[in-house]
């Protein structure tokens, strides 16, 4: 877990409605989310029964479609 020093903005009823983070914590959180999304994409790809395609072939196919 990331150590986060959070400050909260509350509404007139005392309910937390927003969070204020240090920019460094925010950037680290974004990096962690990107890494998590990459892992999830990898897991989805591995769970499929599709045939593996060599990297070079995949790049050529992607460029051809553009």
N, C-alpha and C. Protein backbone atom coordinates (compact mmCIF):
# COMPACT_ATOMS: atom_id res chain seq x y z
N UNK A 1 0.85 -1.19 0.00
CA UNK A 1 0.00 0.00 0.00
C UNK A 1 0.89 1.24 0.00
N UNK A 2 0.48 2.22 -0.76
CA UNK A 2 1.22 3.47 -0.82
C UNK A 2 0.96 4.31 0.43
N UNK A 3 2.02 4.85 1.01
CA UNK A 3 1.78 5.76 2.13
C UNK A 3 1.24 7.09 1.59
N UNK A 4 0.05 7.45 2.00
CA UNK A 4 -0.60 8.64 1.47
C UNK A 4 -1.04 9.53 2.63
N UNK A 5 -0.66 10.77 2.55
CA UNK A 5 -1.12 11.76 3.51
C UNK A 5 -2.24 12.53 2.83
N UNK A 6 -3.46 12.17 3.16
CA UNK A 6 -4.61 12.76 2.49
C UNK A 6 -5.26 13.82 3.37
N UNK A 7 -5.76 14.85 2.73
CA UNK A 7 -6.58 15.85 3.38
C UNK A 7 -7.94 15.79 2.71
N UNK A 8 -8.98 16.05 3.47
CA UNK A 8 -10.33 15.92 2.95
C UNK A 8 -11.04 17.26 2.91
N UNK A 9 -11.86 17.43 1.92
CA UNK A 9 -12.76 18.56 1.83
C UNK A 9 -14.14 18.03 2.21
N UNK A 10 -14.78 18.73 3.11
CA UNK A 10 -16.08 18.25 3.59
C UNK A 10 -17.18 19.24 3.17
N UNK A 11 -18.39 18.72 3.08
CA UNK A 11 -19.52 19.58 2.74
C UNK A 11 -20.12 20.17 4.02
N UNK A 12 -21.21 20.87 3.85
CA UNK A 12 -21.84 21.54 4.99
C UNK A 12 -22.39 20.57 6.04
N UNK A 13 -22.53 19.30 5.66
CA UNK A 13 -23.01 18.28 6.60
C UNK A 13 -21.87 17.50 7.24
N UNK A 14 -20.64 17.89 6.94
CA UNK A 14 -19.48 17.21 7.51
C UNK A 14 -19.10 15.93 6.77
N UNK A 15 -19.70 15.70 5.61
CA UNK A 15 -19.40 14.51 4.81
C UNK A 15 -18.19 14.78 3.92
N UNK A 16 -17.29 13.82 3.85
CA UNK A 16 -16.14 13.97 2.96
C UNK A 16 -16.60 13.91 1.51
N UNK A 17 -16.19 14.90 0.73
CA UNK A 17 -16.62 14.95 -0.68
C UNK A 17 -15.45 14.96 -1.65
N UNK A 18 -14.25 15.29 -1.17
CA UNK A 18 -13.07 15.34 -2.03
C UNK A 18 -11.84 15.01 -1.21
N UNK A 19 -10.77 14.66 -1.94
CA UNK A 19 -9.50 14.35 -1.31
C UNK A 19 -8.43 15.22 -1.94
N UNK A 20 -7.54 15.72 -1.12
CA UNK A 20 -6.39 16.50 -1.59
C UNK A 20 -5.15 15.68 -1.28
N UNK A 21 -4.33 15.43 -2.31
CA UNK A 21 -3.09 14.68 -2.16
C UNK A 21 -1.91 15.53 -2.57
N UNK A 22 -0.75 15.21 -2.03
CA UNK A 22 0.47 15.84 -2.52
C UNK A 22 0.67 15.38 -3.96
N UNK A 23 1.22 16.24 -4.80
CA UNK A 23 1.38 15.92 -6.21
C UNK A 23 2.22 14.67 -6.41
N UNK A 24 3.24 14.48 -5.56
CA UNK A 24 4.08 13.29 -5.70
C UNK A 24 3.28 12.03 -5.41
N UNK A 25 2.39 12.08 -4.43
CA UNK A 25 1.55 10.92 -4.12
C UNK A 25 0.57 10.66 -5.26
N UNK A 26 0.03 11.73 -5.83
CA UNK A 26 -0.90 11.60 -6.95
C UNK A 26 -0.21 10.96 -8.16
N UNK A 27 0.99 11.42 -8.47
CA UNK A 27 1.72 10.86 -9.61
C UNK A 27 2.05 9.39 -9.39
N UNK A 28 2.48 9.05 -8.16
CA UNK A 28 2.79 7.66 -7.83
C UNK A 28 1.53 6.81 -7.97
N UNK A 29 0.42 7.32 -7.52
CA UNK A 29 -0.85 6.60 -7.64
C UNK A 29 -1.20 6.34 -9.10
N UNK A 30 -0.99 7.34 -9.95
CA UNK A 30 -1.24 7.15 -11.39
C UNK A 30 -0.32 6.09 -11.98
N UNK A 31 0.95 6.10 -11.59
CA UNK A 31 1.89 5.09 -12.07
C UNK A 31 1.44 3.69 -11.67
N UNK A 32 1.02 3.56 -10.41
CA UNK A 32 0.56 2.26 -9.92
C UNK A 32 -0.68 1.80 -10.68
N UNK A 33 -1.59 2.72 -10.98
CA UNK A 33 -2.79 2.37 -11.73
C UNK A 33 -2.45 1.91 -13.14
N UNK A 34 -1.49 2.59 -13.78
CA UNK A 34 -1.07 2.19 -15.12
C UNK A 34 -0.47 0.79 -15.10
N UNK A 35 0.34 0.52 -14.09
CA UNK A 35 0.95 -0.81 -13.98
C UNK A 35 -0.12 -1.87 -13.74
N UNK A 36 -1.08 -1.56 -12.90
CA UNK A 36 -2.17 -2.50 -12.64
C UNK A 36 -2.96 -2.79 -13.92
N UNK A 37 -3.23 -1.75 -14.70
CA UNK A 37 -3.96 -1.94 -15.96
C UNK A 37 -3.16 -2.82 -16.93
N UNK A 38 -1.85 -2.64 -16.96
CA UNK A 38 -1.00 -3.48 -17.82
C UNK A 38 -1.07 -4.94 -17.37
N UNK A 39 -1.04 -5.16 -16.08
CA UNK A 39 -1.13 -6.52 -15.56
C UNK A 39 -2.48 -7.15 -15.89
N UNK A 40 -3.53 -6.36 -15.76
CA UNK A 40 -4.87 -6.88 -16.08
C UNK A 40 -4.98 -7.21 -17.57
N UNK A 41 -4.43 -6.36 -18.42
CA UNK A 41 -4.45 -6.62 -19.86
C UNK A 41 -3.67 -7.89 -20.17
N UNK A 42 -2.53 -8.07 -19.53
CA UNK A 42 -1.73 -9.28 -19.71
C UNK A 42 -2.53 -10.51 -19.29
N UNK A 43 -3.16 -10.44 -18.13
CA UNK A 43 -3.96 -11.57 -17.65
C UNK A 43 -5.10 -11.90 -18.61
N UNK A 44 -5.76 -10.86 -19.15
CA UNK A 44 -6.84 -11.10 -20.12
C UNK A 44 -6.30 -11.78 -21.38
N UNK A 45 -5.15 -11.31 -21.85
CA UNK A 45 -4.56 -11.89 -23.05
C UNK A 45 -4.15 -13.34 -22.82
N UNK A 46 -3.58 -13.62 -21.67
CA UNK A 46 -3.14 -14.98 -21.37
C UNK A 46 -4.32 -15.94 -21.21
N UNK A 47 -5.47 -15.44 -20.78
CA UNK A 47 -6.61 -16.30 -20.53
C UNK A 47 -7.32 -16.71 -21.82
N UNK A 48 -7.02 -16.03 -22.91
CA UNK A 48 -7.63 -16.37 -24.20
C UNK A 48 -6.91 -17.55 -24.81
N UNK A 49 -7.62 -18.26 -25.64
CA UNK A 49 -7.03 -19.41 -26.33
C UNK A 49 -6.50 -19.04 -27.70
N UNK A 50 -6.30 -17.74 -27.93
CA UNK A 50 -5.80 -17.28 -29.22
C UNK A 50 -4.36 -17.76 -29.44
N UNK A 51 -4.03 -17.90 -30.71
CA UNK A 51 -2.67 -18.29 -31.07
C UNK A 51 -1.73 -17.10 -30.86
N UNK A 52 -0.57 -17.36 -30.31
CA UNK A 52 0.41 -16.29 -30.10
C UNK A 52 0.96 -15.82 -31.44
N UNK A 53 1.18 -14.51 -31.55
CA UNK A 53 1.71 -13.91 -32.77
C UNK A 53 3.06 -13.29 -32.42
N UNK A 54 4.08 -13.55 -33.24
CA UNK A 54 5.38 -12.92 -32.98
C UNK A 54 5.26 -11.40 -32.97
N UNK A 55 6.06 -10.76 -32.14
CA UNK A 55 6.00 -9.31 -31.96
C UNK A 55 6.13 -8.56 -33.28
N UNK A 56 7.09 -8.95 -34.08
CA UNK A 56 7.33 -8.25 -35.35
C UNK A 56 6.11 -8.34 -36.26
N UNK A 57 5.48 -9.49 -36.29
CA UNK A 57 4.28 -9.66 -37.11
C UNK A 57 3.15 -8.79 -36.58
N UNK A 58 3.00 -8.71 -35.27
CA UNK A 58 1.95 -7.89 -34.67
C UNK A 58 2.15 -6.42 -35.03
N UNK A 59 3.38 -5.95 -34.97
CA UNK A 59 3.68 -4.56 -35.31
C UNK A 59 3.34 -4.30 -36.77
N UNK A 60 3.70 -5.21 -37.66
CA UNK A 60 3.38 -5.03 -39.08
C UNK A 60 1.88 -4.97 -39.30
N UNK A 61 1.13 -5.81 -38.61
CA UNK A 61 -0.33 -5.82 -38.77
C UNK A 61 -0.93 -4.52 -38.25
N UNK A 62 -0.44 -4.03 -37.14
CA UNK A 62 -0.94 -2.78 -36.58
C UNK A 62 -0.65 -1.63 -37.52
N UNK A 63 0.55 -1.57 -38.07
CA UNK A 63 0.93 -0.49 -38.99
C UNK A 63 0.12 -0.57 -40.28
N UNK A 64 -0.19 -1.77 -40.72
CA UNK A 64 -0.96 -1.94 -41.94
C UNK A 64 -2.37 -1.38 -41.76
N UNK A 65 -2.94 -1.54 -40.60
CA UNK A 65 -4.31 -1.07 -40.33
C UNK A 65 -4.36 0.44 -40.21
N UNK A 66 -3.28 1.07 -39.75
CA UNK A 66 -3.27 2.53 -39.58
C UNK A 66 -3.38 3.19 -40.86
